[in-house]
C-alpha atoms as a PDB file:
ATOM      1  CA  UNK A   1     105.108  94.019  84.061  1.00  0.00           C
ATOM      2  CA  UNK A   2     102.258  93.804  85.857  1.00  0.00           C
ATOM      3  CA  UNK A   3      99.785  93.979  82.999  1.00  0.00           C
ATOM      4  CA  UNK A   4     101.426  91.687  80.157  1.00  0.00           C
ATOM      5  CA  UNK A   5     100.881  88.548  83.080  1.00  0.00           C
ATOM      6  CA  UNK A   6      97.885  89.166  84.664  1.00  0.00           C
ATOM      7  CA  UNK A   7      94.361  90.919  83.809  1.00  0.00           C
ATOM      8  CA  UNK A   8      91.914  93.013  86.098  1.00  0.00           C
ATOM      9  CA  UNK A   9      89.618  90.114  86.991  1.00  0.00           C
ATOM     10  CA  UNK A  10      92.246  87.353  87.463  1.00  0.00           C
ATOM     11  CA  UNK A  11      93.859  90.012  89.580  1.00  0.00           C
ATOM     12  CA  UNK A  12      90.771  90.380  91.450  1.00  0.00           C
ATOM     13  CA  UNK A  13      90.449  86.928  92.887  1.00  0.00           C
ATOM     14  CA  UNK A  14      93.525  86.574  94.336  1.00  0.00           C
ATOM     15  CA  UNK A  15      93.078  89.982  95.918  1.00  0.00           C
ATOM     16  CA  UNK A  16      89.798  88.200  96.679  1.00  0.00           C
ATOM     17  CA  UNK A  17      90.714  85.080  98.081  1.00  0.00           C
ATOM     18  CA  UNK A  18      94.175  87.417 100.010  1.00  0.00           C
ATOM     19  CA  UNK A  19      91.857  88.383 102.245  1.00  0.00           C
ATOM     20  CA  UNK A  20      88.894  86.417 102.735  1.00  0.00           C
ATOM     21  CA  UNK A  21      91.738  84.208 104.288  1.00  0.00           C
ATOM     22  CA  UNK A  22      93.674  87.200 106.127  1.00  0.00           C
ATOM     23  CA  UNK A  23      96.768  87.305 104.607  1.00  0.00           C
ATOM     24  CA  UNK A  24      95.937  90.634 103.698  1.00  0.00           C
ATOM     25  CA  UNK A  25      94.672  93.295 105.525  1.00  0.00           C
ATOM     26  CA  UNK A  26      91.240  94.596 104.714  1.00  0.00           C
ATOM     27  CA  UNK A  27      92.057  97.789 105.134  1.00  0.00           C
ATOM     28  CA  UNK A  28      93.014 102.131 104.258  1.00  0.00           C
ATOM     29  CA  UNK A  29      96.789 102.340 105.137  1.00  0.00           C
ATOM     30  CA  UNK A  30      97.430 105.324 107.321  1.00  0.00           C
ATOM     31  CA  UNK A  31     100.775 105.231 105.729  1.00  0.00           C
ATOM     32  CA  UNK A  32     101.412 104.531 102.045  1.00  0.00           C
ATOM     33  CA  UNK A  33     105.244 104.266 100.482  1.00  0.00           C
ATOM     34  CA  UNK A  34     105.630 105.081  96.666  1.00  0.00           C
ATOM     35  CA  UNK A  35     108.826 104.799  94.525  1.00  0.00           C
ATOM     36  CA  UNK A  36     110.159 102.655  92.058  1.00  0.00           C
ATOM     37  CA  UNK A  37     110.559  99.402  92.172  1.00  0.00           C
ATOM     38  CA  UNK A  38     113.081  97.109  93.610  1.00  0.00           C
ATOM     39  CA  UNK A  39     112.301  93.808  92.189  1.00  0.00           C
ATOM     40  CA  UNK A  40     110.124  93.257  95.365  1.00  0.00           C
ATOM     41  CA  UNK A  41     106.587  90.829  94.235  1.00  0.00           C
ATOM     42  CA  UNK A  42     103.786  92.114  94.313  1.00  0.00           C
ATOM     43  CA  UNK A  43     101.042  90.339  96.381  1.00  0.00           C
ATOM     44  CA  UNK A  44      98.783  90.746  94.019  1.00  0.00           C
ATOM     45  CA  UNK A  45      99.847  89.555  91.326  1.00  0.00           C
ATOM     46  CA  UNK A  46     102.189  88.147  92.659  1.00  0.00           C
ATOM     47  CA  UNK A  47     104.947  89.247  89.696  1.00  0.00           C
ATOM     48  CA  UNK A  48     108.139  91.586  90.926  1.00  0.00           C
ATOM     49  CA  UNK A  49     108.045  95.225  90.301  1.00  0.00           C
ATOM     50  CA  UNK A  50     110.461  96.044  88.423  1.00  0.00           C
ATOM     51  CA  UNK A  51     112.691  99.390  88.626  1.00  0.00           C
ATOM     52  CA  UNK A  52     110.685 101.022  85.772  1.00  0.00           C
ATOM     53  CA  UNK A  53     107.672 100.422  87.763  1.00  0.00           C
ATOM     54  CA  UNK A  54     105.663 102.401  90.537  1.00  0.00           C
ATOM     55  CA  UNK A  55     105.442 100.262  93.530  1.00  0.00           C
ATOM     56  CA  UNK A  56     102.922 101.320  96.805  1.00  0.00           C
ATOM     57  CA  UNK A  57     103.754  99.633  99.899  1.00  0.00           C
ATOM     58  CA  UNK A  58     102.708  99.282 103.457  1.00  0.00           C
ATOM     59  CA  UNK A  59     103.255  97.525 106.604  1.00  0.00           C
ATOM     60  CA  UNK A  60     100.170  95.041 107.601  1.00  0.00           C
ATOM     61  CA  UNK A  61      99.963  96.310 111.494  1.00  0.00           C
ATOM     62  CA  UNK A  62      99.477  92.867 111.805  1.00  0.00           C
ATOM     63  CA  UNK A  63     102.007  91.036 111.139  1.00  0.00           C
ATOM     64  CA  UNK A  64     104.288  93.358 111.197  1.00  0.00           C
ATOM     65  CA  UNK A  65     105.592  93.047 107.380  1.00  0.00           C
ATOM     66  CA  UNK A  66     105.620  95.280 104.672  1.00  0.00           C
ATOM     67  CA  UNK A  67     103.404  94.716 101.452  1.00  0.00           C
ATOM     68  CA  UNK A  68     104.321  95.284  97.511  1.00  0.00           C
ATOM     69  CA  UNK A  69     102.332  96.689  95.209  1.00  0.00           C
ATOM     70  CA  UNK A  70     102.395  97.501  91.682  1.00  0.00           C
ATOM     71  CA  UNK A  71     100.524 100.956  91.622  1.00  0.00           C
ATOM     72  CA  UNK A  72      97.427  99.550  89.546  1.00  0.00           C
ATOM     73  CA  UNK A  73      97.465  96.297  91.960  1.00  0.00           C
ATOM     74  CA  UNK A  74      97.537  98.858  94.396  1.00  0.00           C
ATOM     75  CA  UNK A  75      93.966 100.527  92.775  1.00  0.00           C
ATOM     76  CA  UNK A  76      92.693  97.183  92.121  1.00  0.00           C
ATOM     77  CA  UNK A  77      92.831  96.139  96.116  1.00  0.00           C
ATOM     78  CA  UNK A  78      91.496  99.167  97.488  1.00  0.00           C
ATOM     79  CA  UNK A  79      88.598  98.784  95.382  1.00  0.00           C
ATOM     80  CA  UNK A  80      88.771  95.359  96.937  1.00  0.00           C
ATOM     81  CA  UNK A  81      88.374  96.470  99.961  1.00  0.00           C
ATOM     82  CA  UNK A  82      85.844  99.406  99.457  1.00  0.00           C
ATOM     83  CA  UNK A  83      83.810  96.786  97.465  1.00  0.00           C
ATOM     84  CA  UNK A  84      84.476  93.745 100.981  1.00  0.00           C
ATOM     85  CA  UNK A  85      82.768  96.521 103.942  1.00  0.00           C
ATOM     86  CA  UNK A  86      80.284  98.387 101.681  1.00  0.00           C
ATOM     87  CA  UNK A  87      79.306  94.368 101.126  1.00  0.00           C
ATOM     88  CA  UNK A  88      78.883  93.650 104.854  1.00  0.00           C
ATOM     89  CA  UNK A  89      76.625  97.092 106.669  1.00  0.00           C
ATOM     90  CA  UNK A  90      77.868  96.836 109.869  1.00  0.00           C
ATOM     91  CA  UNK A  91      81.023  95.131 110.141  1.00  0.00           C
ATOM     92  CA  UNK A  92      84.281  96.748 111.393  1.00  0.00           C
ATOM     93  CA  UNK A  93      86.999  96.909 108.546  1.00  0.00           C
ATOM     94  CA  UNK A  94      90.409  96.869 110.749  1.00  0.00           C
ATOM     95  CA  UNK A  95      92.450 100.149 109.731  1.00  0.00           C
END
């Protein structure tokens, strides 16, 4: 369970690093799949999303790979994308 292992601050810091080094796209996904977890590792907190937790998943169009998140981690990811876009006026955010 994500909450037991990672604080929001630690997850936000990891997300910022992943966005900065290009391992995560700074984008608002066009399609998002949601459901109970299947044990995939959340890219934001590096913990598995269990069958008792909600998992959000979308395709990274740059590499055609699935990205999995806990629901709370996905919200933090979206928040970081918005902050990144607003901090750099005039720069395009990948969509």
